[in-house]
Amino acid sequence: MATSPTTTNLLTAKEFMAIPDDGCRLELIAGKVARRRYAWWNEGLAGTKICLSLSDYVVQNDLGVALSAGVGYHIKSSPDHVRVPSVGFISRERTNVEDPEAYFPGAPDIAVECVTTCDTYYYVTDKVSDWLEAGAGMVVVVDAHNKSVMAHRSHTDVAFLKEADTLDGGDVLPGWRMTVADIFA
């Protein structure tokens, strides 16, 4: 079973990759291993619907790839951060990765975070900040329990959306749109 390193024994992204799979969802935050529980049905279903919508749009328009949960993004070094969104969109121009057997280098263009019941406010806001500071053009926070979405285009440009509203890709993914009601249908 993987254990969290002490503050004097921080892991690199490469060392993090070598941790044996113990069945837990893991992220590397400032060189320390963080465990997360898996999403519940409604949380995972919301992320899947967004991923399918993004994927259909980007494939039809040859704009890049939409990736589901499980892909790690190496977003900071010294100490290393490897974060895992529920869904990530990467533009076609950025899909040529030098080492395909490593984590994606940098943030996705759009990171989608489906909040779980165990996520704290601090954890979610910290993760949004990490994505934005690493270069994500938009971070979408999905709360399946309240059927709401927050679209962060920066730390100060945040849209709070309810079921009657529409989430769009803005200037990060022009033309992509999905009603919030469809995310939770």
N, C-alpha and C. Protein backbone atom coordinates (compact mmCIF):
# COMPACT_ATOMS: atom_id res chain seq x y z
N MET A 1 0.84 -1.19 0.00
CA MET A 1 0.00 0.00 0.00
C MET A 1 0.88 1.24 0.00
N ALA A 2 0.55 2.20 -0.82
CA ALA A 2 1.33 3.43 -0.90
C ALA A 2 1.12 4.26 0.35
N THR A 3 2.16 4.88 0.80
CA THR A 3 2.05 5.77 1.95
C THR A 3 2.47 7.15 1.54
N SER A 4 1.99 8.15 2.26
CA SER A 4 2.36 9.52 1.96
C SER A 4 3.77 9.77 2.46
N PRO A 5 4.61 10.39 1.66
CA PRO A 5 5.96 10.68 2.10
C PRO A 5 5.97 11.80 3.13
N THR A 6 7.00 11.88 3.90
CA THR A 6 7.14 12.98 4.84
C THR A 6 7.55 14.22 4.07
N THR A 7 7.54 15.37 4.72
CA THR A 7 7.90 16.61 4.04
C THR A 7 9.36 16.60 3.59
N THR A 8 10.20 15.77 4.20
CA THR A 8 11.59 15.69 3.78
C THR A 8 11.79 14.64 2.69
N ASN A 9 10.77 13.86 2.39
CA ASN A 9 10.87 12.80 1.40
C ASN A 9 9.77 12.98 0.35
N LEU A 10 9.88 14.03 -0.44
CA LEU A 10 8.87 14.32 -1.45
C LEU A 10 9.12 13.48 -2.69
N LEU A 11 8.05 13.03 -3.31
CA LEU A 11 8.16 12.23 -4.52
C LEU A 11 8.20 13.12 -5.75
N THR A 12 8.87 12.64 -6.77
CA THR A 12 8.81 13.26 -8.10
C THR A 12 7.68 12.59 -8.87
N ALA A 13 7.30 13.17 -9.99
CA ALA A 13 6.26 12.55 -10.82
C ALA A 13 6.69 11.16 -11.28
N LYS A 14 7.98 11.01 -11.60
CA LYS A 14 8.48 9.71 -12.04
C LYS A 14 8.40 8.67 -10.92
N GLU A 15 8.73 9.05 -9.71
CA GLU A 15 8.62 8.13 -8.56
C GLU A 15 7.16 7.80 -8.28
N PHE A 16 6.30 8.79 -8.45
CA PHE A 16 4.87 8.60 -8.24
C PHE A 16 4.31 7.56 -9.21
N MET A 17 4.80 7.58 -10.45
CA MET A 17 4.35 6.60 -11.46
C MET A 17 4.67 5.17 -11.04
N ALA A 18 5.71 5.00 -10.23
CA ALA A 18 6.16 3.65 -9.86
C ALA A 18 5.43 3.08 -8.65
N ILE A 19 4.56 3.87 -8.02
CA ILE A 19 3.81 3.37 -6.86
C ILE A 19 2.89 2.25 -7.33
N PRO A 20 2.92 1.10 -6.65
CA PRO A 20 2.02 0.00 -7.05
C PRO A 20 0.56 0.40 -6.90
N ASP A 21 -0.26 -0.12 -7.80
CA ASP A 21 -1.70 0.14 -7.76
C ASP A 21 -2.31 -0.58 -6.55
N ASP A 22 -2.88 0.20 -5.64
CA ASP A 22 -3.52 -0.40 -4.47
C ASP A 22 -5.04 -0.23 -4.51
N GLY A 23 -5.57 0.16 -5.68
CA GLY A 23 -7.00 0.28 -5.85
C GLY A 23 -7.57 1.63 -5.47
N CYS A 24 -6.73 2.55 -5.01
CA CYS A 24 -7.20 3.89 -4.64
C CYS A 24 -6.90 4.87 -5.76
N ARG A 25 -7.70 5.94 -5.83
CA ARG A 25 -7.40 7.03 -6.75
C ARG A 25 -6.35 7.90 -6.07
N LEU A 26 -5.27 8.17 -6.77
CA LEU A 26 -4.17 8.93 -6.18
C LEU A 26 -3.86 10.16 -7.01
N GLU A 27 -3.41 11.21 -6.33
CA GLU A 27 -2.85 12.39 -6.97
C GLU A 27 -1.56 12.71 -6.22
N LEU A 28 -0.68 13.46 -6.85
CA LEU A 28 0.54 13.92 -6.22
C LEU A 28 0.42 15.43 -6.05
N ILE A 29 0.38 15.88 -4.82
CA ILE A 29 0.20 17.30 -4.53
C ILE A 29 1.41 17.78 -3.75
N ALA A 30 2.18 18.66 -4.37
CA ALA A 30 3.41 19.18 -3.77
C ALA A 30 4.31 18.05 -3.28
N GLY A 31 4.44 17.02 -4.10
CA GLY A 31 5.32 15.91 -3.79
C GLY A 31 4.77 14.88 -2.82
N LYS A 32 3.54 15.06 -2.37
CA LYS A 32 2.93 14.14 -1.41
C LYS A 32 1.75 13.41 -2.05
N VAL A 33 1.61 12.14 -1.74
CA VAL A 33 0.53 11.34 -2.28
C VAL A 33 -0.77 11.68 -1.54
N ALA A 34 -1.81 11.92 -2.31
CA ALA A 34 -3.14 12.19 -1.74
C ALA A 34 -4.11 11.15 -2.28
N ARG A 35 -4.86 10.54 -1.38
CA ARG A 35 -5.85 9.53 -1.76
C ARG A 35 -7.22 10.18 -1.90
N ARG A 36 -8.00 9.67 -2.87
CA ARG A 36 -9.37 10.13 -3.06
C ARG A 36 -10.24 8.92 -3.27
N ARG A 37 -11.47 9.03 -2.83
CA ARG A 37 -12.39 7.93 -3.08
C ARG A 37 -12.95 8.06 -4.48
N TYR A 38 -13.47 6.98 -4.98
CA TYR A 38 -14.08 7.01 -6.31
C TYR A 38 -15.42 7.74 -6.25
N ALA A 39 -15.84 8.25 -7.40
CA ALA A 39 -17.10 9.00 -7.49
C ALA A 39 -18.30 8.07 -7.33
N TRP A 40 -19.38 8.65 -6.81
CA TRP A 40 -20.64 7.94 -6.76
C TRP A 40 -21.26 7.95 -8.15
N TRP A 41 -22.31 7.18 -8.32
CA TRP A 41 -22.98 7.03 -9.61
C TRP A 41 -23.31 8.37 -10.25
N ASN A 42 -24.04 9.25 -9.54
CA ASN A 42 -24.49 10.51 -10.13
C ASN A 42 -23.32 11.44 -10.43
N GLU A 43 -22.26 11.39 -9.64
CA GLU A 43 -21.08 12.21 -9.87
C GLU A 43 -20.36 11.74 -11.13
N GLY A 44 -20.18 10.43 -11.25
CA GLY A 44 -19.52 9.86 -12.43
C GLY A 44 -20.33 10.01 -13.70
N LEU A 45 -21.65 9.87 -13.58
CA LEU A 45 -22.52 10.00 -14.74
C LEU A 45 -22.46 11.41 -15.31
N ALA A 46 -22.44 12.42 -14.45
CA ALA A 46 -22.34 13.81 -14.92
C ALA A 46 -21.04 14.02 -15.69
N GLY A 47 -19.93 13.52 -15.17
CA GLY A 47 -18.65 13.65 -15.86
C GLY A 47 -18.64 12.92 -17.19
N THR A 48 -19.25 11.74 -17.22
CA THR A 48 -19.31 10.96 -18.45
C THR A 48 -20.10 11.70 -19.53
N LYS A 49 -21.22 12.31 -19.14
CA LYS A 49 -22.03 13.05 -20.12
C LYS A 49 -21.26 14.23 -20.70
N ILE A 50 -20.50 14.93 -19.85
CA ILE A 50 -19.69 16.05 -20.35
C ILE A 50 -18.60 15.52 -21.28
N CYS A 51 -17.95 14.44 -20.88
CA CYS A 51 -16.88 13.87 -21.70
C CYS A 51 -17.41 13.44 -23.07
N LEU A 52 -18.57 12.80 -23.11
CA LEU A 52 -19.15 12.37 -24.38
C LEU A 52 -19.50 13.57 -25.27
N SER A 53 -20.08 14.61 -24.66
CA SER A 53 -20.44 15.80 -25.42
C SER A 53 -19.19 16.48 -25.98
N LEU A 54 -18.17 16.66 -25.13
CA LEU A 54 -16.92 17.26 -25.58
C LEU A 54 -16.28 16.41 -26.68
N SER A 55 -16.22 15.10 -26.44
CA SER A 55 -15.58 14.21 -27.39
C SER A 55 -16.26 14.25 -28.75
N ASP A 56 -17.58 14.19 -28.77
CA ASP A 56 -18.32 14.26 -30.04
C ASP A 56 -17.96 15.54 -30.78
N TYR A 57 -17.96 16.66 -30.07
CA TYR A 57 -17.70 17.95 -30.69
C TYR A 57 -16.27 18.06 -31.21
N VAL A 58 -15.29 17.67 -30.38
CA VAL A 58 -13.90 17.84 -30.81
C VAL A 58 -13.52 16.85 -31.92
N VAL A 59 -14.09 15.65 -31.90
CA VAL A 59 -13.80 14.68 -32.97
C VAL A 59 -14.42 15.15 -34.29
N GLN A 60 -15.69 15.57 -34.25
CA GLN A 60 -16.36 16.03 -35.47
C GLN A 60 -15.65 17.22 -36.10
N ASN A 61 -15.02 18.04 -35.27
CA ASN A 61 -14.38 19.26 -35.77
C ASN A 61 -12.85 19.18 -35.78
N ASP A 62 -12.31 17.99 -35.49
CA ASP A 62 -10.86 17.76 -35.47
C ASP A 62 -10.13 18.81 -34.62
N LEU A 63 -10.60 18.96 -33.39
CA LEU A 63 -10.07 20.00 -32.51
C LEU A 63 -9.15 19.48 -31.41
N GLY A 64 -9.04 18.17 -31.25
CA GLY A 64 -8.20 17.62 -30.19
C GLY A 64 -8.82 16.38 -29.60
N VAL A 65 -8.66 16.20 -28.29
CA VAL A 65 -9.20 15.03 -27.61
C VAL A 65 -9.86 15.42 -26.29
N ALA A 66 -10.88 14.66 -25.93
CA ALA A 66 -11.50 14.75 -24.60
C ALA A 66 -11.18 13.45 -23.89
N LEU A 67 -10.65 13.55 -22.70
CA LEU A 67 -10.21 12.38 -21.95
C LEU A 67 -10.99 12.25 -20.66
N SER A 68 -11.35 11.02 -20.33
CA SER A 68 -12.09 10.77 -19.10
C SER A 68 -11.14 10.69 -17.92
N ALA A 69 -11.70 10.53 -16.73
CA ALA A 69 -10.91 10.43 -15.49
C ALA A 69 -9.88 9.33 -15.61
N GLY A 70 -8.78 9.53 -14.97
CA GLY A 70 -7.74 8.52 -14.95
C GLY A 70 -6.46 8.99 -15.63
N VAL A 71 -6.51 10.09 -16.37
CA VAL A 71 -5.32 10.62 -17.01
C VAL A 71 -4.68 11.64 -16.07
N GLY A 72 -3.40 11.44 -15.78
CA GLY A 72 -2.69 12.36 -14.91
C GLY A 72 -2.03 13.48 -15.71
N TYR A 73 -2.00 14.67 -15.12
CA TYR A 73 -1.40 15.85 -15.73
C TYR A 73 -0.31 16.36 -14.80
N HIS A 74 0.93 16.40 -15.29
CA HIS A 74 2.06 16.89 -14.51
C HIS A 74 2.09 18.41 -14.65
N ILE A 75 1.55 19.11 -13.62
CA ILE A 75 1.33 20.55 -13.77
C ILE A 75 2.32 21.44 -13.03
N LYS A 76 3.11 20.87 -12.11
CA LYS A 76 4.12 21.67 -11.40
C LYS A 76 5.31 20.77 -11.09
N SER A 77 6.46 21.42 -10.94
CA SER A 77 7.67 20.70 -10.56
C SER A 77 8.33 21.39 -9.38
N SER A 78 9.07 20.60 -8.63
CA SER A 78 9.88 21.08 -7.49
C SER A 78 9.09 21.84 -6.43
N PRO A 79 8.21 21.24 -5.73
CA PRO A 79 7.81 19.84 -5.75
C PRO A 79 6.77 19.57 -6.84
N ASP A 80 6.75 18.32 -7.26
CA ASP A 80 5.88 17.91 -8.36
C ASP A 80 4.41 17.83 -7.95
N HIS A 81 3.57 18.19 -8.90
CA HIS A 81 2.12 18.04 -8.78
C HIS A 81 1.65 17.21 -9.96
N VAL A 82 0.90 16.15 -9.70
CA VAL A 82 0.22 15.39 -10.75
C VAL A 82 -1.24 15.37 -10.34
N ARG A 83 -2.06 16.06 -11.11
CA ARG A 83 -3.49 16.15 -10.81
C ARG A 83 -4.26 15.34 -11.84
N VAL A 84 -5.47 14.91 -11.43
CA VAL A 84 -6.33 14.10 -12.28
C VAL A 84 -7.73 14.71 -12.28
N PRO A 85 -8.17 15.28 -13.41
CA PRO A 85 -9.53 15.81 -13.47
C PRO A 85 -10.53 14.71 -13.78
N SER A 86 -11.79 15.00 -13.62
CA SER A 86 -12.84 14.06 -14.03
C SER A 86 -12.86 13.94 -15.55
N VAL A 87 -12.64 15.07 -16.23
CA VAL A 87 -12.60 15.12 -17.70
C VAL A 87 -11.58 16.19 -18.08
N GLY A 88 -10.85 15.95 -19.16
CA GLY A 88 -9.92 16.94 -19.67
C GLY A 88 -10.07 17.07 -21.18
N PHE A 89 -9.99 18.29 -21.67
CA PHE A 89 -9.94 18.54 -23.11
C PHE A 89 -8.56 19.10 -23.43
N ILE A 90 -7.92 18.53 -24.46
CA ILE A 90 -6.63 19.00 -24.92
C ILE A 90 -6.75 19.32 -26.41
N SER A 91 -6.37 20.55 -26.76
CA SER A 91 -6.45 20.97 -28.17
C SER A 91 -5.49 20.18 -29.04
N ARG A 92 -5.85 20.04 -30.29
CA ARG A 92 -5.07 19.26 -31.26
C ARG A 92 -3.61 19.70 -31.29
N GLU A 93 -3.36 21.00 -31.19
CA GLU A 93 -1.98 21.51 -31.24
C GLU A 93 -1.12 21.01 -30.09
N ARG A 94 -1.75 20.55 -29.02
CA ARG A 94 -0.98 20.13 -27.83
C ARG A 94 -0.96 18.61 -27.64
N THR A 95 -1.51 17.85 -28.59
CA THR A 95 -1.62 16.40 -28.39
C THR A 95 -0.36 15.63 -28.76
N ASN A 96 0.63 16.26 -29.36
CA ASN A 96 1.88 15.58 -29.71
C ASN A 96 2.79 15.56 -28.48
N VAL A 97 2.64 14.54 -27.67
CA VAL A 97 3.37 14.42 -26.41
C VAL A 97 4.68 13.68 -26.65
N GLU A 98 5.78 14.23 -26.14
CA GLU A 98 7.11 13.61 -26.34
C GLU A 98 7.22 12.22 -25.73
N ASP A 99 6.73 12.06 -24.51
CA ASP A 99 6.83 10.76 -23.83
C ASP A 99 5.42 10.27 -23.52
N PRO A 100 4.83 9.46 -24.41
CA PRO A 100 3.46 9.00 -24.21
C PRO A 100 3.28 8.05 -23.03
N GLU A 101 4.37 7.58 -22.44
CA GLU A 101 4.26 6.71 -21.27
C GLU A 101 4.49 7.48 -19.97
N ALA A 102 4.27 8.78 -20.03
CA ALA A 102 4.37 9.64 -18.84
C ALA A 102 3.04 10.38 -18.68
N TYR A 103 2.96 11.21 -17.66
CA TYR A 103 1.78 12.04 -17.49
C TYR A 103 1.78 13.14 -18.55
N PHE A 104 0.60 13.65 -18.88
CA PHE A 104 0.53 14.75 -19.83
C PHE A 104 1.28 15.94 -19.23
N PRO A 105 2.16 16.58 -20.00
CA PRO A 105 2.93 17.71 -19.47
C PRO A 105 2.14 19.01 -19.51
N GLY A 106 1.63 19.42 -18.38
CA GLY A 106 0.85 20.65 -18.29
C GLY A 106 -0.62 20.36 -18.03
N ALA A 107 -1.38 21.44 -17.98
CA ALA A 107 -2.82 21.34 -17.69
C ALA A 107 -3.59 21.10 -18.97
N PRO A 108 -4.77 20.48 -18.87
CA PRO A 108 -5.65 20.42 -20.04
C PRO A 108 -6.15 21.83 -20.36
N ASP A 109 -6.61 22.04 -21.58
CA ASP A 109 -7.18 23.33 -21.93
C ASP A 109 -8.47 23.57 -21.14
N ILE A 110 -9.26 22.50 -20.97
CA ILE A 110 -10.44 22.54 -20.11
C ILE A 110 -10.32 21.38 -19.13
N ALA A 111 -10.41 21.68 -17.85
CA ALA A 111 -10.45 20.65 -16.81
C ALA A 111 -11.84 20.66 -16.20
N VAL A 112 -12.44 19.49 -16.10
CA VAL A 112 -13.76 19.35 -15.47
C VAL A 112 -13.57 18.57 -14.18
N GLU A 113 -14.07 19.13 -13.09
CA GLU A 113 -14.00 18.50 -11.79
C GLU A 113 -15.41 18.20 -11.30
N CYS A 114 -15.75 16.92 -11.17
CA CYS A 114 -17.03 16.52 -10.60
C CYS A 114 -16.82 16.34 -9.10
N VAL A 115 -17.42 17.22 -8.33
CA VAL A 115 -17.25 17.22 -6.89
C VAL A 115 -17.84 15.94 -6.30
N THR A 116 -17.09 15.31 -5.40
CA THR A 116 -17.61 14.14 -4.69
C THR A 116 -18.04 14.56 -3.30
N THR A 117 -18.80 13.73 -2.65
CA THR A 117 -19.30 14.06 -1.31
C THR A 117 -18.18 14.17 -0.29
N CYS A 118 -17.02 13.59 -0.57
CA CYS A 118 -15.88 13.67 0.36
C CYS A 118 -14.98 14.87 0.10
N ASP A 119 -15.19 15.57 -1.01
CA ASP A 119 -14.33 16.71 -1.33
C ASP A 119 -14.64 17.88 -0.42
N THR A 120 -13.60 18.48 0.15
CA THR A 120 -13.78 19.67 0.97
C THR A 120 -13.76 20.91 0.08
N TYR A 121 -14.27 21.99 0.61
CA TYR A 121 -14.23 23.27 -0.10
C TYR A 121 -12.78 23.62 -0.42
N TYR A 122 -11.89 23.44 0.56
CA TYR A 122 -10.47 23.75 0.36
C TYR A 122 -9.89 22.91 -0.78
N TYR A 123 -10.20 21.62 -0.78
CA TYR A 123 -9.66 20.74 -1.82
C TYR A 123 -10.08 21.21 -3.21
N VAL A 124 -11.36 21.52 -3.37
CA VAL A 124 -11.88 21.92 -4.68
C VAL A 124 -11.28 23.27 -5.11
N THR A 125 -11.26 24.26 -4.22
CA THR A 125 -10.72 25.57 -4.59
C THR A 125 -9.22 25.49 -4.86
N ASP A 126 -8.51 24.66 -4.12
CA ASP A 126 -7.08 24.46 -4.35
C ASP A 126 -6.84 23.84 -5.72
N LYS A 127 -7.68 22.89 -6.08
CA LYS A 127 -7.52 22.22 -7.37
C LYS A 127 -7.85 23.17 -8.53
N VAL A 128 -8.90 23.97 -8.37
CA VAL A 128 -9.23 24.97 -9.40
C VAL A 128 -8.04 25.92 -9.58
N SER A 129 -7.48 26.39 -8.48
CA SER A 129 -6.32 27.29 -8.55
C SER A 129 -5.14 26.62 -9.25
N ASP A 130 -4.88 25.36 -8.89
CA ASP A 130 -3.78 24.64 -9.53
C ASP A 130 -3.97 24.57 -11.04
N TRP A 131 -5.19 24.22 -11.48
CA TRP A 131 -5.44 24.11 -12.92
C TRP A 131 -5.25 25.45 -13.61
N LEU A 132 -5.83 26.52 -13.05
CA LEU A 132 -5.72 27.84 -13.67
C LEU A 132 -4.28 28.32 -13.71
N GLU A 133 -3.56 28.14 -12.61
CA GLU A 133 -2.17 28.59 -12.56
C GLU A 133 -1.28 27.77 -13.49
N ALA A 134 -1.68 26.54 -13.80
CA ALA A 134 -0.90 25.69 -14.71
C ALA A 134 -1.26 25.95 -16.17
N GLY A 135 -2.23 26.83 -16.42
CA GLY A 135 -2.53 27.22 -17.80
C GLY A 135 -3.85 26.74 -18.37
N ALA A 136 -4.69 26.08 -17.58
CA ALA A 136 -6.01 25.69 -18.10
C ALA A 136 -6.78 26.95 -18.48
N GLY A 137 -7.43 26.91 -19.62
CA GLY A 137 -8.23 28.05 -20.07
C GLY A 137 -9.58 28.12 -19.39
N MET A 138 -10.04 26.98 -18.88
CA MET A 138 -11.31 26.94 -18.17
C MET A 138 -11.33 25.72 -17.26
N VAL A 139 -11.87 25.93 -16.06
CA VAL A 139 -12.07 24.84 -15.11
C VAL A 139 -13.55 24.81 -14.78
N VAL A 140 -14.18 23.67 -15.02
CA VAL A 140 -15.61 23.50 -14.78
C VAL A 140 -15.78 22.62 -13.55
N VAL A 141 -16.47 23.15 -12.55
CA VAL A 141 -16.74 22.40 -11.32
C VAL A 141 -18.21 22.00 -11.35
N VAL A 142 -18.45 20.69 -11.31
CA VAL A 142 -19.80 20.14 -11.42
C VAL A 142 -20.22 19.58 -10.06
N ASP A 143 -21.35 20.06 -9.57
CA ASP A 143 -21.90 19.56 -8.30
C ASP A 143 -23.20 18.82 -8.62
N ALA A 144 -23.11 17.50 -8.72
CA ALA A 144 -24.28 16.68 -9.08
C ALA A 144 -25.36 16.72 -8.00
N HIS A 145 -24.97 16.94 -6.77
CA HIS A 145 -25.96 16.93 -5.68
C HIS A 145 -26.83 18.18 -5.69
N ASN A 146 -26.25 19.32 -6.09
CA ASN A 146 -27.02 20.57 -6.19
C ASN A 146 -27.41 20.90 -7.63
N LYS A 147 -27.03 20.01 -8.56
CA LYS A 147 -27.31 20.22 -9.98
C LYS A 147 -26.90 21.62 -10.43
N SER A 148 -25.63 21.94 -10.12
CA SER A 148 -25.09 23.24 -10.50
C SER A 148 -23.69 23.07 -11.06
N VAL A 149 -23.26 24.10 -11.79
CA VAL A 149 -21.96 24.11 -12.44
C VAL A 149 -21.34 25.48 -12.22
N MET A 150 -20.05 25.51 -11.95
CA MET A 150 -19.30 26.76 -11.90
C MET A 150 -18.22 26.68 -12.96
N ALA A 151 -18.21 27.65 -13.87
CA ALA A 151 -17.22 27.70 -14.94
C ALA A 151 -16.23 28.81 -14.62
N HIS A 152 -15.00 28.42 -14.29
CA HIS A 152 -13.93 29.36 -13.94
C HIS A 152 -13.07 29.60 -15.18
N ARG A 153 -13.07 30.83 -15.67
CA ARG A 153 -12.19 31.19 -16.79
C ARG A 153 -10.93 31.88 -16.26
N SER A 154 -10.99 32.31 -15.02
CA SER A 154 -9.86 32.87 -14.28
C SER A 154 -10.27 32.84 -12.82
N HIS A 155 -9.40 33.37 -11.96
CA HIS A 155 -9.75 33.43 -10.54
C HIS A 155 -10.90 34.40 -10.28
N THR A 156 -11.09 35.35 -11.17
CA THR A 156 -12.12 36.37 -10.96
C THR A 156 -13.30 36.26 -11.94
N ASP A 157 -13.14 35.52 -13.01
CA ASP A 157 -14.20 35.35 -14.00
C ASP A 157 -14.84 33.97 -13.81
N VAL A 158 -15.91 33.95 -13.01
CA VAL A 158 -16.57 32.69 -12.66
C VAL A 158 -18.06 32.82 -12.95
N ALA A 159 -18.60 31.85 -13.68
CA ALA A 159 -20.04 31.82 -13.97
C ALA A 159 -20.67 30.70 -13.16
N PHE A 160 -21.73 31.03 -12.43
CA PHE A 160 -22.49 30.03 -11.67
C PHE A 160 -23.72 29.67 -12.49
N LEU A 161 -23.83 28.39 -12.87
CA LEU A 161 -24.90 27.96 -13.77
C LEU A 161 -25.83 26.96 -13.10
N LYS A 162 -27.11 27.12 -13.34
CA LYS A 162 -28.13 26.18 -12.86
C LYS A 162 -28.70 25.43 -14.07
N GLU A 163 -29.66 24.55 -13.82
CA GLU A 163 -30.19 23.67 -14.86
C GLU A 163 -30.72 24.39 -16.10
N ALA A 164 -31.27 25.57 -15.96
CA ALA A 164 -31.84 26.30 -17.10
C ALA A 164 -30.76 26.96 -17.96
N ASP A 165 -29.51 26.95 -17.49
CA ASP A 165 -28.42 27.63 -18.20
C ASP A 165 -27.68 26.69 -19.15
N THR A 166 -26.78 27.27 -19.94
CA THR A 166 -25.97 26.51 -20.89
C THR A 166 -24.50 26.75 -20.60
N LEU A 167 -23.76 25.66 -20.53
CA LEU A 167 -22.31 25.71 -20.39
C LEU A 167 -21.74 25.76 -21.80
N ASP A 168 -20.76 26.64 -22.03
CA ASP A 168 -20.13 26.68 -23.35
C ASP A 168 -18.62 26.74 -23.20
N GLY A 169 -17.94 26.47 -24.30
CA GLY A 169 -16.48 26.43 -24.30
C GLY A 169 -15.81 27.78 -24.41
N GLY A 170 -16.61 28.85 -24.54
CA GLY A 170 -16.04 30.19 -24.63
C GLY A 170 -14.96 30.28 -25.69
N ASP A 171 -13.90 31.04 -25.41
CA ASP A 171 -12.82 31.16 -26.39
C ASP A 171 -11.83 30.00 -26.30
N VAL A 172 -12.01 29.10 -25.32
CA VAL A 172 -11.14 27.93 -25.22
C VAL A 172 -11.59 26.87 -26.23
N LEU A 173 -12.90 26.69 -26.36
CA LEU A 173 -13.45 25.72 -27.31
C LEU A 173 -14.70 26.33 -27.94
N PRO A 174 -14.50 27.30 -28.86
CA PRO A 174 -15.64 27.99 -29.46
C PRO A 174 -16.61 27.02 -30.14
N GLY A 175 -17.89 27.26 -29.91
CA GLY A 175 -18.93 26.46 -30.55
C GLY A 175 -19.45 25.30 -29.72
N TRP A 176 -18.68 24.83 -28.75
CA TRP A 176 -19.17 23.72 -27.92
C TRP A 176 -20.14 24.27 -26.88
N ARG A 177 -21.30 23.63 -26.79
CA ARG A 177 -22.34 24.04 -25.84
C ARG A 177 -23.03 22.80 -25.30
N MET A 178 -23.43 22.89 -24.05
CA MET A 178 -24.19 21.79 -23.41
C MET A 178 -25.07 22.41 -22.33
N THR A 179 -26.35 22.07 -22.37
CA THR A 179 -27.22 22.61 -21.32
C THR A 179 -26.89 21.91 -20.01
N VAL A 180 -26.97 22.67 -18.94
CA VAL A 180 -26.69 22.12 -17.62
C VAL A 180 -27.71 21.02 -17.30
N ALA A 181 -28.94 21.20 -17.74
CA ALA A 181 -29.98 20.16 -17.51
C ALA A 181 -29.55 18.83 -18.13
N ASP A 182 -28.89 18.86 -19.31
CA ASP A 182 -28.43 17.64 -19.96
C ASP A 182 -27.33 16.93 -19.17
N ILE A 183 -26.55 17.70 -18.45
CA ILE A 183 -25.49 17.10 -17.62
C ILE A 183 -26.10 16.22 -16.54
N PHE A 184 -27.25 16.64 -16.02
CA PHE A 184 -27.86 15.93 -14.89
C PHE A 184 -29.09 15.10 -15.26
N ALA A 185 -29.40 15.01 -16.58
CA ALA A 185 -30.60 14.27 -17.02
C ALA A 185 -30.39 12.77 -16.81
